[in-house]
PDB file of N, CA and C in Angstrom:
ATOM      1  N   UNK A   1     -48.075  25.513 -50.130  1.00  0.00           N
ATOM      2  CA  UNK A   1     -47.342  24.598 -50.967  1.00  0.00           C
ATOM      3  C   UNK A   1     -46.179  24.010 -50.169  1.00  0.00           C
ATOM      4  N   UNK A   2     -46.050  22.694 -50.120  1.00  0.00           N
ATOM      5  CA  UNK A   2     -44.972  22.064 -49.375  1.00  0.00           C
ATOM      6  C   UNK A   2     -43.601  22.512 -49.881  1.00  0.00           C
ATOM      7  N   UNK A   3     -42.654  22.610 -48.954  1.00  0.00           N
ATOM      8  CA  UNK A   3     -41.317  23.073 -49.328  1.00  0.00           C
ATOM      9  C   UNK A   3     -40.237  22.012 -49.132  1.00  0.00           C
ATOM     10  N   UNK A   4     -40.498  21.003 -48.333  1.00  0.00           N
ATOM     11  CA  UNK A   4     -39.452  20.031 -48.008  1.00  0.00           C
ATOM     12  C   UNK A   4     -39.759  18.648 -48.560  1.00  0.00           C
ATOM     13  N   UNK A   5     -41.004  18.216 -48.498  1.00  0.00           N
ATOM     14  CA  UNK A   5     -41.415  16.894 -48.979  1.00  0.00           C
ATOM     15  C   UNK A   5     -42.417  17.104 -50.107  1.00  0.00           C
ATOM     16  N   UNK A   6     -42.329  16.280 -51.140  1.00  0.00           N
ATOM     17  CA  UNK A   6     -43.262  16.400 -52.260  1.00  0.00           C
ATOM     18  C   UNK A   6     -44.388  15.376 -52.135  1.00  0.00           C
ATOM     19  N   UNK A   7     -45.446  15.625 -52.881  1.00  0.00           N
ATOM     20  CA  UNK A   7     -46.587  14.707 -52.890  1.00  0.00           C
ATOM     21  C   UNK A   7     -46.183  13.335 -53.416  1.00  0.00           C
ATOM     22  N   UNK A   8     -45.299  13.297 -54.395  1.00  0.00           N
ATOM     23  CA  UNK A   8     -44.881  11.996 -54.936  1.00  0.00           C
ATOM     24  C   UNK A   8     -44.069  11.204 -53.914  1.00  0.00           C
ATOM     25  N   UNK A   9     -43.272  11.877 -53.075  1.00  0.00           N
ATOM     26  CA  UNK A   9     -42.538  11.173 -52.019  1.00  0.00           C
ATOM     27  C   UNK A   9     -43.501  10.580 -50.992  1.00  0.00           C
ATOM     28  N   UNK A  10     -44.503  11.371 -50.603  1.00  0.00           N
ATOM     29  CA  UNK A  10     -45.490  10.867 -49.651  1.00  0.00           C
ATOM     30  C   UNK A  10     -46.313   9.739 -50.262  1.00  0.00           C
ATOM     31  N   UNK A  11     -46.671   9.881 -51.524  1.00  0.00           N
ATOM     32  CA  UNK A  11     -47.441   8.841 -52.215  1.00  0.00           C
ATOM     33  C   UNK A  11     -46.660   7.523 -52.229  1.00  0.00           C
ATOM     34  N   UNK A  12     -45.359   7.605 -52.445  1.00  0.00           N
ATOM     35  CA  UNK A  12     -44.527   6.403 -52.462  1.00  0.00           C
ATOM     36  C   UNK A  12     -44.496   5.754 -51.080  1.00  0.00           C
ATOM     37  N   UNK A  13     -44.396   6.543 -50.016  1.00  0.00           N
ATOM     38  CA  UNK A  13     -44.389   6.016 -48.649  1.00  0.00           C
ATOM     39  C   UNK A  13     -45.728   5.346 -48.328  1.00  0.00           C
ATOM     40  N   UNK A  14     -46.817   6.004 -48.732  1.00  0.00           N
ATOM     41  CA  UNK A  14     -48.152   5.486 -48.437  1.00  0.00           C
ATOM     42  C   UNK A  14     -48.522   4.290 -49.308  1.00  0.00           C
ATOM     43  N   UNK A  15     -47.905   4.198 -50.480  1.00  0.00           N
ATOM     44  CA  UNK A  15     -48.229   3.113 -51.397  1.00  0.00           C
ATOM     45  C   UNK A  15     -49.583   3.297 -52.056  1.00  0.00           C
ATOM     46  N   UNK A  16     -49.943   4.548 -52.333  1.00  0.00           N
ATOM     47  CA  UNK A  16     -51.218   4.831 -52.988  1.00  0.00           C
ATOM     48  C   UNK A  16     -50.958   5.410 -54.371  1.00  0.00           C
ATOM     49  N   UNK A  17     -51.944   5.280 -55.247  1.00  0.00           N
ATOM     50  CA  UNK A  17     -51.779   5.783 -56.610  1.00  0.00           C
ATOM     51  C   UNK A  17     -52.301   7.210 -56.718  1.00  0.00           C
ATOM     52  N   UNK A  18     -51.908   7.849 -57.790  1.00  0.00           N
ATOM     53  CA  UNK A  18     -52.371   9.212 -58.058  1.00  0.00           C
ATOM     54  C   UNK A  18     -53.859   9.231 -58.365  1.00  0.00           C
ATOM     55  N   UNK A  19     -54.389   8.110 -58.819  1.00  0.00           N
ATOM     56  CA  UNK A  19     -55.819   8.026 -59.096  1.00  0.00           C
ATOM     57  C   UNK A  19     -56.647   8.121 -57.819  1.00  0.00           C
ATOM     58  N   UNK A  20     -56.111   7.596 -56.720  1.00  0.00           N
ATOM     59  CA  UNK A  20     -56.836   7.640 -55.445  1.00  0.00           C
ATOM     60  C   UNK A  20     -56.705   8.994 -54.757  1.00  0.00           C
ATOM     61  N   UNK A  21     -55.483   9.508 -54.683  1.00  0.00           N
ATOM     62  CA  UNK A  21     -55.219  10.750 -53.958  1.00  0.00           C
ATOM     63  C   UNK A  21     -54.340  11.637 -54.826  1.00  0.00           C
ATOM     64  N   UNK A  22     -54.917  12.751 -55.268  1.00  0.00           N
ATOM     65  CA  UNK A  22     -54.167  13.644 -56.147  1.00  0.00           C
ATOM     66  C   UNK A  22     -53.169  14.487 -55.347  1.00  0.00           C
ATOM     67  N   UNK A  23     -52.323  15.214 -56.090  1.00  0.00           N
ATOM     68  CA  UNK A  23     -51.272  16.016 -55.455  1.00  0.00           C
ATOM     69  C   UNK A  23     -51.838  17.071 -54.514  1.00  0.00           C
ATOM     70  N   UNK A  24     -52.948  17.698 -54.866  1.00  0.00           N
ATOM     71  CA  UNK A  24     -53.520  18.741 -54.011  1.00  0.00           C
ATOM     72  C   UNK A  24     -53.900  18.198 -52.640  1.00  0.00           C
ATOM     73  N   UNK A  25     -54.497  17.014 -52.615  1.00  0.00           N
ATOM     74  CA  UNK A  25     -54.903  16.399 -51.350  1.00  0.00           C
ATOM     75  C   UNK A  25     -53.675  16.085 -50.494  1.00  0.00           C
ATOM     76  N   UNK A  26     -52.664  15.482 -51.103  1.00  0.00           N
ATOM     77  CA  UNK A  26     -51.456  15.134 -50.363  1.00  0.00           C
ATOM     78  C   UNK A  26     -50.668  16.383 -49.959  1.00  0.00           C
ATOM     79  N   UNK A  27     -50.692  17.422 -50.794  1.00  0.00           N
ATOM     80  CA  UNK A  27     -50.026  18.686 -50.443  1.00  0.00           C
ATOM     81  C   UNK A  27     -50.629  19.299 -49.181  1.00  0.00           C
ATOM     82  N   UNK A  28     -51.939  19.189 -49.022  1.00  0.00           N
ATOM     83  CA  UNK A  28     -52.590  19.704 -47.805  1.00  0.00           C
ATOM     84  C   UNK A  28     -52.083  18.967 -46.572  1.00  0.00           C
ATOM     85  N   UNK A  29     -51.911  17.670 -46.695  1.00  0.00           N
ATOM     86  CA  UNK A  29     -51.411  16.865 -45.584  1.00  0.00           C
ATOM     87  C   UNK A  29     -49.970  17.241 -45.261  1.00  0.00           C
ATOM     88  N   UNK A  30     -49.148  17.407 -46.294  1.00  0.00           N
ATOM     89  CA  UNK A  30     -47.747  17.780 -46.079  1.00  0.00           C
ATOM     90  C   UNK A  30     -47.650  19.175 -45.474  1.00  0.00           C
ATOM     91  N   UNK A  31     -48.494  20.097 -45.934  1.00  0.00           N
ATOM     92  CA  UNK A  31     -48.518  21.445 -45.349  1.00  0.00           C
ATOM     93  C   UNK A  31     -48.824  21.381 -43.853  1.00  0.00           C
ATOM     94  N   UNK A  32     -49.761  20.520 -43.482  1.00  0.00           N
ATOM     95  CA  UNK A  32     -50.099  20.350 -42.071  1.00  0.00           C
ATOM     96  C   UNK A  32     -48.888  19.845 -41.297  1.00  0.00           C
ATOM     97  N   UNK A  33     -48.204  18.849 -41.848  1.00  0.00           N
ATOM     98  CA  UNK A  33     -47.031  18.285 -41.177  1.00  0.00           C
ATOM     99  C   UNK A  33     -45.905  19.311 -41.069  1.00  0.00           C
ATOM    100  N   UNK A  34     -45.664  20.047 -42.131  1.00  0.00           N
ATOM    101  CA  UNK A  34     -44.632  21.081 -42.081  1.00  0.00           C
ATOM    102  C   UNK A  34     -45.004  22.168 -41.080  1.00  0.00           C
ATOM    103  N   UNK A  35     -46.285  22.458 -40.970  1.00  0.00           N
ATOM    104  CA  UNK A  35     -46.754  23.449 -39.998  1.00  0.00           C
ATOM    105  C   UNK A  35     -46.557  23.009 -38.560  1.00  0.00           C
ATOM    106  N   UNK A  36     -46.451  21.716 -38.347  1.00  0.00           N
ATOM    107  CA  UNK A  36     -46.191  21.180 -37.011  1.00  0.00           C
ATOM    108  C   UNK A  36     -44.688  21.146 -36.732  1.00  0.00           C
ATOM    109  N   UNK A  37     -43.915  20.661 -37.682  1.00  0.00           N
ATOM    110  CA  UNK A  37     -42.488  20.426 -37.460  1.00  0.00           C
ATOM    111  C   UNK A  37     -41.650  21.700 -37.561  1.00  0.00           C
ATOM    112  N   UNK A  38     -41.812  22.476 -38.608  1.00  0.00           N
ATOM    113  CA  UNK A  38     -40.917  23.611 -38.851  1.00  0.00           C
ATOM    114  C   UNK A  38     -40.900  24.658 -37.739  1.00  0.00           C
ATOM    115  N   UNK A  39     -42.038  25.006 -37.123  1.00  0.00           N
ATOM    116  CA  UNK A  39     -41.961  26.004 -36.048  1.00  0.00           C
ATOM    117  C   UNK A  39     -41.169  25.540 -34.830  1.00  0.00           C
ATOM    118  N   UNK A  40     -40.957  24.258 -34.674  1.00  0.00           N
ATOM    119  CA  UNK A  40     -40.219  23.749 -33.521  1.00  0.00           C
ATOM    120  C   UNK A  40     -38.712  23.755 -33.736  1.00  0.00           C
ATOM    121  N   UNK A  41     -38.284  23.997 -34.958  1.00  0.00           N
ATOM    122  CA  UNK A  41     -36.859  23.944 -35.266  1.00  0.00           C
ATOM    123  C   UNK A  41     -36.200  25.296 -35.036  1.00  0.00           C
ATOM    124  N   UNK A  42     -34.883  25.264 -34.926  1.00  0.00           N
ATOM    125  CA  UNK A  42     -34.131  26.500 -34.761  1.00  0.00           C
ATOM    126  C   UNK A  42     -34.420  27.407 -35.935  1.00  0.00           C
ATOM    127  N   UNK A  43     -34.401  28.704 -35.675  1.00  0.00           N
ATOM    128  CA  UNK A  43     -34.774  29.662 -36.716  1.00  0.00           C
ATOM    129  C   UNK A  43     -33.694  29.783 -37.771  1.00  0.00           C
ATOM    130  N   UNK A  44     -33.859  29.014 -38.821  1.00  0.00           N
ATOM    131  CA  UNK A  44     -33.027  29.093 -40.008  1.00  0.00           C
ATOM    132  C   UNK A  44     -33.966  29.285 -41.178  1.00  0.00           C
ATOM    133  N   UNK A  45     -33.419  29.524 -42.327  1.00  0.00           N
ATOM    134  CA  UNK A  45     -34.257  29.597 -43.516  1.00  0.00           C
ATOM    135  C   UNK A  45     -34.824  28.211 -43.807  1.00  0.00           C
ATOM    136  N   UNK A  46     -36.046  28.162 -44.303  1.00  0.00           N
ATOM    137  CA  UNK A  46     -36.678  26.868 -44.608  1.00  0.00           C
ATOM    138  C   UNK A  46     -35.808  26.072 -45.569  1.00  0.00           C
ATOM    139  N   UNK A  47     -35.175  26.749 -46.503  1.00  0.00           N
ATOM    140  CA  UNK A  47     -34.306  26.077 -47.468  1.00  0.00           C
ATOM    141  C   UNK A  47     -33.151  25.344 -46.808  1.00  0.00           C
ATOM    142  N   UNK A  48     -32.749  25.798 -45.617  1.00  0.00           N
ATOM    143  CA  UNK A  48     -31.663  25.134 -44.907  1.00  0.00           C
ATOM    144  C   UNK A  48     -32.047  23.728 -44.474  1.00  0.00           C
ATOM    145  N   UNK A  49     -33.318  23.461 -44.363  1.00  0.00           N
ATOM    146  CA  UNK A  49     -33.804  22.153 -43.933  1.00  0.00           C
ATOM    147  C   UNK A  49     -34.229  21.266 -45.096  1.00  0.00           C
ATOM    148  N   UNK A  50     -34.227  21.789 -46.310  1.00  0.00           N
ATOM    149  CA  UNK A  50     -34.772  21.020 -47.432  1.00  0.00           C
ATOM    150  C   UNK A  50     -33.965  19.771 -47.759  1.00  0.00           C
ATOM    151  N   UNK A  51     -32.687  19.760 -47.436  1.00  0.00           N
ATOM    152  CA  UNK A  51     -31.861  18.588 -47.718  1.00  0.00           C
ATOM    153  C   UNK A  51     -31.531  17.786 -46.470  1.00  0.00           C
ATOM    154  N   UNK A  52     -32.167  18.119 -45.356  1.00  0.00           N
ATOM    155  CA  UNK A  52     -31.878  17.440 -44.102  1.00  0.00           C
ATOM    156  C   UNK A  52     -32.779  16.207 -43.977  1.00  0.00           C
ATOM    157  N   UNK A  53     -32.177  15.040 -43.996  1.00  0.00           N
ATOM    158  CA  UNK A  53     -32.939  13.785 -43.961  1.00  0.00           C
ATOM    159  C   UNK A  53     -33.738  13.639 -42.670  1.00  0.00           C
ATOM    160  N   UNK A  54     -33.233  14.194 -41.566  1.00  0.00           N
ATOM    161  CA  UNK A  54     -33.947  14.094 -40.291  1.00  0.00           C
ATOM    162  C   UNK A  54     -35.266  14.858 -40.353  1.00  0.00           C
ATOM    163  N   UNK A  55     -35.220  16.039 -40.921  1.00  0.00           N
ATOM    164  CA  UNK A  55     -36.429  16.860 -41.035  1.00  0.00           C
ATOM    165  C   UNK A  55     -37.400  16.225 -42.019  1.00  0.00           C
ATOM    166  N   UNK A  56     -36.892  15.726 -43.127  1.00  0.00           N
ATOM    167  CA  UNK A  56     -37.749  15.044 -44.100  1.00  0.00           C
ATOM    168  C   UNK A  56     -38.443  13.842 -43.464  1.00  0.00           C
ATOM    169  N   UNK A  57     -37.711  13.066 -42.689  1.00  0.00           N
ATOM    170  CA  UNK A  57     -38.298  11.900 -42.031  1.00  0.00           C
ATOM    171  C   UNK A  57     -39.367  12.297 -41.021  1.00  0.00           C
ATOM    172  N   UNK A  58     -39.117  13.355 -40.267  1.00  0.00           N
ATOM    173  CA  UNK A  58     -40.106  13.817 -39.286  1.00  0.00           C
ATOM    174  C   UNK A  58     -41.371  14.304 -39.986  1.00  0.00           C
ATOM    175  N   UNK A  59     -41.211  15.039 -41.069  1.00  0.00           N
ATOM    176  CA  UNK A  59     -42.377  15.534 -41.814  1.00  0.00           C
ATOM    177  C   UNK A  59     -43.143  14.367 -42.425  1.00  0.00           C
ATOM    178  N   UNK A  60     -42.438  13.381 -42.955  1.00  0.00           N
ATOM    179  CA  UNK A  60     -43.121  12.202 -43.504  1.00  0.00           C
ATOM    180  C   UNK A  60     -43.834  11.423 -42.405  1.00  0.00           C
ATOM    181  N   UNK A  61     -43.234  11.326 -41.230  1.00  0.00           N
ATOM    182  CA  UNK A  61     -43.873  10.626 -40.108  1.00  0.00           C
ATOM    183  C   UNK A  61     -45.189  11.291 -39.743  1.00  0.00           C
ATOM    184  N   UNK A  62     -45.170  12.607 -39.603  1.00  0.00           N
ATOM    185  CA  UNK A  62     -46.399  13.335 -39.263  1.00  0.00           C
ATOM    186  C   UNK A  62     -47.392  13.253 -40.417  1.00  0.00           C
ATOM    187  N   UNK A  63     -46.912  13.337 -41.644  1.00  0.00           N
ATOM    188  CA  UNK A  63     -47.800  13.261 -42.808  1.00  0.00           C
ATOM    189  C   UNK A  63     -48.547  11.930 -42.858  1.00  0.00           C
ATOM    190  N   UNK A  64     -47.846  10.847 -42.589  1.00  0.00           N
ATOM    191  CA  UNK A  64     -48.484   9.528 -42.598  1.00  0.00           C
ATOM    192  C   UNK A  64     -49.561   9.457 -41.524  1.00  0.00           C
ATOM    193  N   UNK A  65     -49.272   9.977 -40.336  1.00  0.00           N
ATOM    194  CA  UNK A  65     -50.261   9.947 -39.256  1.00  0.00           C
ATOM    195  C   UNK A  65     -51.475  10.818 -39.588  1.00  0.00           C
ATOM    196  N   UNK A  66     -51.247  11.979 -40.186  1.00  0.00           N
ATOM    197  CA  UNK A  66     -52.363  12.845 -40.583  1.00  0.00           C
ATOM    198  C   UNK A  66     -53.200  12.152 -41.651  1.00  0.00           C
ATOM    199  N   UNK A  67     -52.537  11.557 -42.639  1.00  0.00           N
ATOM    200  CA  UNK A  67     -53.247  10.833 -43.696  1.00  0.00           C
ATOM    201  C   UNK A  67     -54.096   9.724 -43.099  1.00  0.00           C
ATOM    202  N   UNK A  68     -53.508   8.922 -42.211  1.00  0.00           N
ATOM    203  CA  UNK A  68     -54.243   7.811 -41.627  1.00  0.00           C
ATOM    204  C   UNK A  68     -55.417   8.298 -40.787  1.00  0.00           C
ATOM    205  N   UNK A  69     -55.241   9.390 -40.069  1.00  0.00           N
ATOM    206  CA  UNK A  69     -56.356   9.879 -39.255  1.00  0.00           C
ATOM    207  C   UNK A  69     -57.485  10.426 -40.121  1.00  0.00           C
ATOM    208  N   UNK A  70     -57.146  10.907 -41.310  1.00  0.00           N
ATOM    209  CA  UNK A  70     -58.186  11.412 -42.217  1.00  0.00           C
ATOM    210  C   UNK A  70     -58.939  10.306 -42.920  1.00  0.00           C
ATOM    211  N   UNK A  71     -58.261   9.233 -43.269  1.00  0.00           N
ATOM    212  CA  UNK A  71     -58.921   8.184 -44.064  1.00  0.00           C
ATOM    213  C   UNK A  71     -59.404   7.002 -43.233  1.00  0.00           C
ATOM    214  N   UNK A  72     -58.973   6.904 -41.986  1.00  0.00           N
ATOM    215  CA  UNK A  72     -59.405   5.784 -41.136  1.00  0.00           C
ATOM    216  C   UNK A  72     -60.883   5.939 -40.789  1.00  0.00           C
ATOM    217  N   UNK A  73     -61.619   4.848 -40.767  1.00  0.00           N
ATOM    218  CA  UNK A  73     -63.034   4.919 -40.393  1.00  0.00           C
ATOM    219  C   UNK A  73     -63.190   5.518 -38.996  1.00  0.00           C
ATOM    220  N   UNK A  74     -63.974   6.548 -38.893  1.00  0.00           N
ATOM    221  CA  UNK A  74     -64.190   7.207 -37.606  1.00  0.00           C
ATOM    222  C   UNK A  74     -62.981   7.965 -37.111  1.00  0.00           C
ATOM    223  N   UNK A  75     -61.957   8.122 -37.958  1.00  0.00           N
ATOM    224  CA  UNK A  75     -60.752   8.818 -37.559  1.00  0.00           C
ATOM    225  C   UNK A  75     -59.908   8.061 -36.569  1.00  0.00           C
ATOM    226  N   UNK A  76     -60.178   6.766 -36.397  1.00  0.00           N
ATOM    227  CA  UNK A  76     -59.458   5.973 -35.412  1.00  0.00           C
ATOM    228  C   UNK A  76     -58.500   5.017 -36.123  1.00  0.00           C
ATOM    229  N   UNK A  77     -57.229   5.249 -35.943  1.00  0.00           N
ATOM    230  CA  UNK A  77     -56.192   4.472 -36.602  1.00  0.00           C
ATOM    231  C   UNK A  77     -56.023   3.140 -35.883  1.00  0.00           C
ATOM    232  N   UNK A  78     -55.720   2.095 -36.652  1.00  0.00           N
ATOM    233  CA  UNK A  78     -55.416   0.798 -36.058  1.00  0.00           C
ATOM    234  C   UNK A  78     -53.915   0.580 -36.070  1.00  0.00           C
ATOM    235  N   UNK A  79     -53.414  -0.026 -35.017  1.00  0.00           N
ATOM    236  CA  UNK A  79     -51.999  -0.366 -34.932  1.00  0.00           C
ATOM    237  C   UNK A  79     -51.702  -1.627 -35.717  1.00  0.00           C
ATOM    238  N   UNK A  80     -50.454  -2.059 -35.669  1.00  0.00           N
ATOM    239  CA  UNK A  80     -50.059  -3.261 -36.399  1.00  0.00           C
ATOM    240  C   UNK A  80     -50.737  -4.505 -35.843  1.00  0.00           C
ATOM    241  N   UNK A  81     -51.227  -4.418 -34.606  1.00  0.00           N
ATOM    242  CA  UNK A  81     -51.938  -5.550 -34.013  1.00  0.00           C
ATOM    243  C   UNK A  81     -53.455  -5.440 -34.199  1.00  0.00           C
ATOM    244  N   UNK A  82     -53.888  -4.511 -35.057  1.00  0.00           N
ATOM    245  CA  UNK A  82     -55.285  -4.277 -35.412  1.00  0.00           C
ATOM    246  C   UNK A  82     -56.123  -3.745 -34.253  1.00  0.00           C
ATOM    247  N   UNK A  83     -55.470  -3.231 -33.230  1.00  0.00           N
ATOM    248  CA  UNK A  83     -56.175  -2.612 -32.114  1.00  0.00           C
ATOM    249  C   UNK A  83     -56.262  -1.110 -32.362  1.00  0.00           C
ATOM    250  N   UNK A  84     -57.387  -0.487 -32.031  1.00  0.00           N
ATOM    251  CA  UNK A  84     -57.509   0.958 -32.227  1.00  0.00           C
ATOM    252  C   UNK A  84     -56.469   1.704 -31.384  1.00  0.00           C
ATOM    253  N   UNK A  85     -55.870   2.709 -31.995  1.00  0.00           N
ATOM    254  CA  UNK A  85     -54.889   3.524 -31.288  1.00  0.00           C
ATOM    255  C   UNK A  85     -55.279   4.991 -31.445  1.00  0.00           C
ATOM    256  N   UNK A  86     -56.171   5.468 -30.604  1.00  0.00           N
ATOM    257  CA  UNK A  86     -56.738   6.807 -30.803  1.00  0.00           C
ATOM    258  C   UNK A  86     -55.803   7.966 -30.483  1.00  0.00           C
ATOM    259  N   UNK A  87     -54.677   7.717 -29.826  1.00  0.00           N
ATOM    260  CA  UNK A  87     -53.846   8.824 -29.386  1.00  0.00           C
ATOM    261  C   UNK A  87     -52.556   8.973 -30.190  1.00  0.00           C
ATOM    262  N   UNK A  88     -52.522   8.494 -31.396  1.00  0.00           N
ATOM    263  CA  UNK A  88     -51.307   8.580 -32.205  1.00  0.00           C
ATOM    264  C   UNK A  88     -51.016   9.986 -32.673  1.00  0.00           C
ATOM    265  N   UNK A  89     -51.978  10.878 -32.643  1.00  0.00           N
ATOM    266  CA  UNK A  89     -51.746  12.256 -33.075  1.00  0.00           C
ATOM    267  C   UNK A  89     -51.375  13.159 -31.907  1.00  0.00           C
ATOM    268  N   UNK A  90     -51.174  12.602 -30.743  1.00  0.00           N
ATOM    269  CA  UNK A  90     -50.889  13.401 -29.560  1.00  0.00           C
ATOM    270  C   UNK A  90     -49.418  13.465 -29.218  1.00  0.00           C
ATOM    271  N   UNK A  91     -49.160  13.412 -27.954  1.00  0.00           N
ATOM    272  CA  UNK A  91     -47.803  13.544 -27.417  1.00  0.00           C
ATOM    273  C   UNK A  91     -46.868  12.452 -27.938  1.00  0.00           C
ATOM    274  N   UNK A  92     -47.389  11.262 -28.167  1.00  0.00           N
ATOM    275  CA  UNK A  92     -46.526  10.180 -28.640  1.00  0.00           C
ATOM    276  C   UNK A  92     -45.952  10.478 -30.023  1.00  0.00           C
ATOM    277  N   UNK A  93     -46.695  11.216 -30.836  1.00  0.00           N
ATOM    278  CA  UNK A  93     -46.186  11.597 -32.148  1.00  0.00           C
ATOM    279  C   UNK A  93     -45.008  12.549 -31.999  1.00  0.00           C
ATOM    280  N   UNK A  94     -45.108  13.504 -31.085  1.00  0.00           N
ATOM    281  CA  UNK A  94     -43.989  14.408 -30.848  1.00  0.00           C
ATOM    282  C   UNK A  94     -42.776  13.629 -30.330  1.00  0.00           C
ATOM    283  N   UNK A  95     -43.012  12.651 -29.468  1.00  0.00           N
ATOM    284  CA  UNK A  95     -41.903  11.858 -28.944  1.00  0.00           C
ATOM    285  C   UNK A  95     -41.176  11.117 -30.061  1.00  0.00           C
ATOM    286  N   UNK A  96     -41.912  10.609 -31.039  1.00  0.00           N
ATOM    287  CA  UNK A  96     -41.289   9.953 -32.183  1.00  0.00           C
ATOM    288  C   UNK A  96     -40.407  10.927 -32.954  1.00  0.00           C
ATOM    289  N   UNK A  97     -40.947  12.112 -33.196  1.00  0.00           N
ATOM    290  CA  UNK A  97     -40.242  13.096 -34.018  1.00  0.00           C
ATOM    291  C   UNK A  97     -39.075  13.734 -33.274  1.00  0.00           C
ATOM    292  N   UNK A  98     -39.183  13.888 -31.975  1.00  0.00           N
ATOM    293  CA  UNK A  98     -38.100  14.546 -31.243  1.00  0.00           C
ATOM    294  C   UNK A  98     -36.818  13.726 -31.300  1.00  0.00           C
ATOM    295  N   UNK A  99     -36.940  12.431 -31.367  1.00  0.00           N
ATOM    296  CA  UNK A  99     -35.761  11.591 -31.528  1.00  0.00           C
ATOM    297  C   UNK A  99     -35.096  11.798 -32.875  1.00  0.00           C
ATOM    298  N   UNK A 100     -35.901  12.028 -33.903  1.00  0.00           N
ATOM    299  CA  UNK A 100     -35.353  12.273 -35.235  1.00  0.00           C
ATOM    300  C   UNK A 100     -34.682  13.641 -35.327  1.00  0.00           C
ATOM    301  N   UNK A 101     -35.284  14.632 -34.688  1.00  0.00           N
ATOM    302  CA  UNK A 101     -34.832  16.008 -34.862  1.00  0.00           C
ATOM    303  C   UNK A 101     -33.697  16.397 -33.925  1.00  0.00           C
ATOM    304  N   UNK A 102     -33.642  15.787 -32.763  1.00  0.00           N
ATOM    305  CA  UNK A 102     -32.539  15.990 -31.834  1.00  0.00           C
ATOM    306  C   UNK A 102     -32.081  17.420 -31.670  1.00  0.00           C
ATOM    307  N   UNK A 103     -30.876  17.703 -32.121  1.00  0.00           N
ATOM    308  CA  UNK A 103     -30.241  19.008 -31.914  1.00  0.00           C
ATOM    309  C   UNK A 103     -30.869  20.130 -32.734  1.00  0.00           C
ATOM    310  N   UNK A 104     -31.746  19.811 -33.656  1.00  0.00           N
ATOM    311  CA  UNK A 104     -32.359  20.849 -34.480  1.00  0.00           C
ATOM    312  C   UNK A 104     -33.497  21.576 -33.773  1.00  0.00           C
ATOM    313  N   UNK A 105     -34.008  20.999 -32.692  1.00  0.00           N
ATOM    314  CA  UNK A 105     -35.158  21.566 -31.999  1.00  0.00           C
ATOM    315  C   UNK A 105     -34.754  22.821 -31.249  1.00  0.00           C
ATOM    316  N   UNK A 106     -35.552  23.851 -31.388  1.00  0.00           N
ATOM    317  CA  UNK A 106     -35.328  25.113 -30.682  1.00  0.00           C
ATOM    318  C   UNK A 106     -35.931  24.978 -29.297  1.00  0.00           C
ATOM    319  N   UNK A 107     -35.116  24.700 -28.293  1.00  0.00           N
ATOM    320  CA  UNK A 107     -35.633  24.463 -26.951  1.00  0.00           C
ATOM    321  C   UNK A 107     -36.221  25.719 -26.332  1.00  0.00           C
ATOM    322  N   UNK A 108     -35.814  26.888 -26.775  1.00  0.00           N
ATOM    323  CA  UNK A 108     -36.413  28.121 -26.257  1.00  0.00           C
ATOM    324  C   UNK A 108     -37.885  28.214 -26.626  1.00  0.00           C
ATOM    325  N   UNK A 109     -38.244  27.725 -27.808  1.00  0.00           N
ATOM    326  CA  UNK A 109     -39.630  27.739 -28.249  1.00  0.00           C
ATOM    327  C   UNK A 109     -40.477  26.817 -27.389  1.00  0.00           C
ATOM    328  N   UNK A 110     -39.943  25.666 -27.038  1.00  0.00           N
ATOM    329  CA  UNK A 110     -40.688  24.700 -26.232  1.00  0.00           C
ATOM    330  C   UNK A 110     -40.901  25.222 -24.819  1.00  0.00           C
ATOM    331  N   UNK A 111     -39.910  25.947 -24.282  1.00  0.00           N
ATOM    332  CA  UNK A 111     -39.977  26.414 -22.906  1.00  0.00           C
ATOM    333  C   UNK A 111     -40.961  27.568 -22.709  1.00  0.00           C
ATOM    334  N   UNK A 112     -41.388  28.210 -23.769  1.00  0.00           N
ATOM    335  CA  UNK A 112     -42.294  29.355 -23.642  1.00  0.00           C
ATOM    336  C   UNK A 112     -43.700  28.935 -23.353  1.00  0.00           C
TER     337      UNK A 112
END
């Protein structure tokens, strides 16, 4: 169950209705995003991050990319120029999020 971002927040970002994608489906996507972002942060209680806009933005960023990779034909996302961008779930996604998270990242975890 997601702890930082809700299904309705993600639904609003995606611009989709509840008829198309129910809360359970979106919760799975948010769980995936939280599973990527939270382990990289300094070891605090999860509740300490629930009101942090930087963490919420990073989780929403990853959630949108996961959603798009799941619903895109062939799993290949198109960019704003309609060109396929197959590597959006890789290192470039972390680079986007690292700018948002800045000082919250546990550098000891990355160095291991």
